[in-house]
Each structure stands twice: as C-alpha cells, then as structure tokens.
Amino acid sequence: MAKKKANEKKPNIFKRMGKGIAKFFRDIKSEIKKIVWPTPKTTFKNMGIVLLAMLIVGVVVFGLDAGLGWLLGFVMHVS
C-alpha cells in the first residue's frame, strides 16, 4: 500500500458527509428512473385476481367457522 505523506490530511467531516449524501441522492434518482409502472389494464387485472383470492379465502374461512361451530354445538348438546 502507498503511504500517505505527512502533510496530506483527510477532508473534514462535513465535506465527506456532503459527498456521501450527494451520492446517495444521485443513486436514488438513477434507481427511480428504472421503475416500470404497470398499465391501468394490468392494475385492474391484478385487482380482480386479488379480489377473487380474498373471496375464496373468505368462503373457506366462513365454511370452517360454521362447520366447527356446528360441531362444537353438537358436542355440547350431547353431553
């Protein structure tokens, strides 16, 4: 490794932080440019899929709840 000369100093903390913060925001800007937003058609299609999945899960949970409630009622009335 190369040795630093005795008279070379690191930049002060504010300059180093400023460069780091500036690089951070430049990186954010370049990443935002890479975003590909979905079209409205894709968004509505995905929304339909999500609503359908919610409906199916809701029906399954309702069926389990009703079935287990009926089973519990049956067991409680027998004893």
Protein backbone atom coordinates (compact mmCIF):
# COMPACT_ATOMS: atom_id res chain seq x y z
CA MET A 1 0.00 0.00 0.00
CA ALA A 2 1.09 3.51 -0.67
CA LYS A 3 1.95 5.53 2.39
CA LYS A 4 0.33 8.91 2.94
CA LYS A 5 2.57 11.87 3.13
CA ALA A 6 2.75 13.58 6.48
CA ASN A 7 1.24 16.81 5.17
CA GLU A 8 -1.80 15.14 3.49
CA LYS A 9 -4.95 15.33 5.57
CA LYS A 10 -8.36 13.84 5.13
CA PRO A 11 -11.11 16.29 4.18
CA ASN A 12 -13.14 17.41 7.15
CA ILE A 13 -16.24 15.50 8.25
CA PHE A 14 -18.67 17.91 6.59
CA LYS A 15 -17.09 17.53 3.16
CA ARG A 16 -17.04 13.73 3.48
CA MET A 17 -20.67 13.65 4.65
CA GLY A 18 -21.70 16.05 1.89
CA LYS A 19 -20.17 13.84 -0.77
CA GLY A 20 -21.83 10.77 0.71
CA ILE A 21 -25.24 12.44 0.89
CA ALA A 22 -24.93 13.77 -2.67
CA LYS A 23 -24.01 10.29 -3.93
CA PHE A 24 -26.97 8.82 -2.06
CA PHE A 25 -29.42 11.17 -3.77
CA ARG A 26 -27.81 10.63 -7.19
CA ASP A 27 -28.23 6.88 -6.70
CA ILE A 28 -31.88 7.36 -5.69
CA LYS A 29 -32.52 9.42 -8.82
CA SER A 30 -30.96 6.77 -11.08
CA GLU A 31 -32.96 3.97 -9.39
CA ILE A 32 -36.24 5.89 -9.73
CA LYS A 33 -35.61 6.19 -13.48
CA LYS A 34 -35.50 2.36 -13.68
CA ILE A 35 -39.02 1.89 -12.27
CA VAL A 36 -41.52 0.42 -14.73
CA TRP A 37 -45.05 1.37 -13.72
CA PRO A 38 -47.88 -1.03 -14.61
CA THR A 39 -50.51 -0.02 -17.12
CA PRO A 40 -54.07 0.61 -15.92
CA LYS A 41 -55.16 -2.61 -17.66
CA THR A 42 -52.59 -4.64 -15.71
CA THR A 43 -53.55 -2.89 -12.47
CA PHE A 44 -57.25 -3.73 -12.88
CA LYS A 45 -56.42 -7.30 -13.86
CA ASN A 46 -54.30 -7.75 -10.74
CA MET A 47 -57.00 -6.11 -8.63
CA GLY A 48 -59.52 -8.66 -9.94
CA ILE A 49 -57.19 -11.52 -9.07
CA VAL A 50 -56.70 -10.17 -5.54
CA LEU A 51 -60.46 -9.69 -5.00
CA LEU A 52 -61.14 -13.23 -6.25
CA ALA A 53 -58.49 -14.66 -3.92
CA MET A 54 -59.99 -12.71 -1.00
CA LEU A 55 -63.44 -14.05 -1.82
CA ILE A 56 -62.20 -17.65 -1.97
CA VAL A 57 -60.29 -17.35 1.31
CA GLY A 58 -63.34 -15.69 2.93
CA VAL A 59 -65.62 -18.53 1.84
CA VAL A 60 -63.17 -21.16 3.13
CA VAL A 61 -62.80 -19.41 6.49
CA PHE A 62 -66.58 -18.97 6.77
CA GLY A 63 -67.08 -22.67 5.98
CA LEU A 64 -64.55 -23.75 8.59
CA ASP A 65 -66.06 -21.42 11.18
CA ALA A 66 -69.61 -22.60 10.50
CA GLY A 67 -68.60 -26.27 10.44
CA LEU A 68 -66.56 -26.11 13.63
CA GLY A 69 -69.30 -24.06 15.33
CA TRP A 70 -71.88 -26.67 14.38
CA LEU A 71 -69.55 -29.45 15.64
CA LEU A 72 -68.99 -27.66 18.94
CA GLY A 73 -72.74 -27.12 19.35
CA PHE A 74 -73.40 -30.78 18.60
CA VAL A 75 -70.82 -31.93 21.15
CA MET A 76 -72.07 -29.51 23.83
CA HIS A 77 -75.71 -30.60 23.44
CA VAL A 78 -74.87 -34.33 23.54
CA SER A 79 -73.15 -34.20 26.92
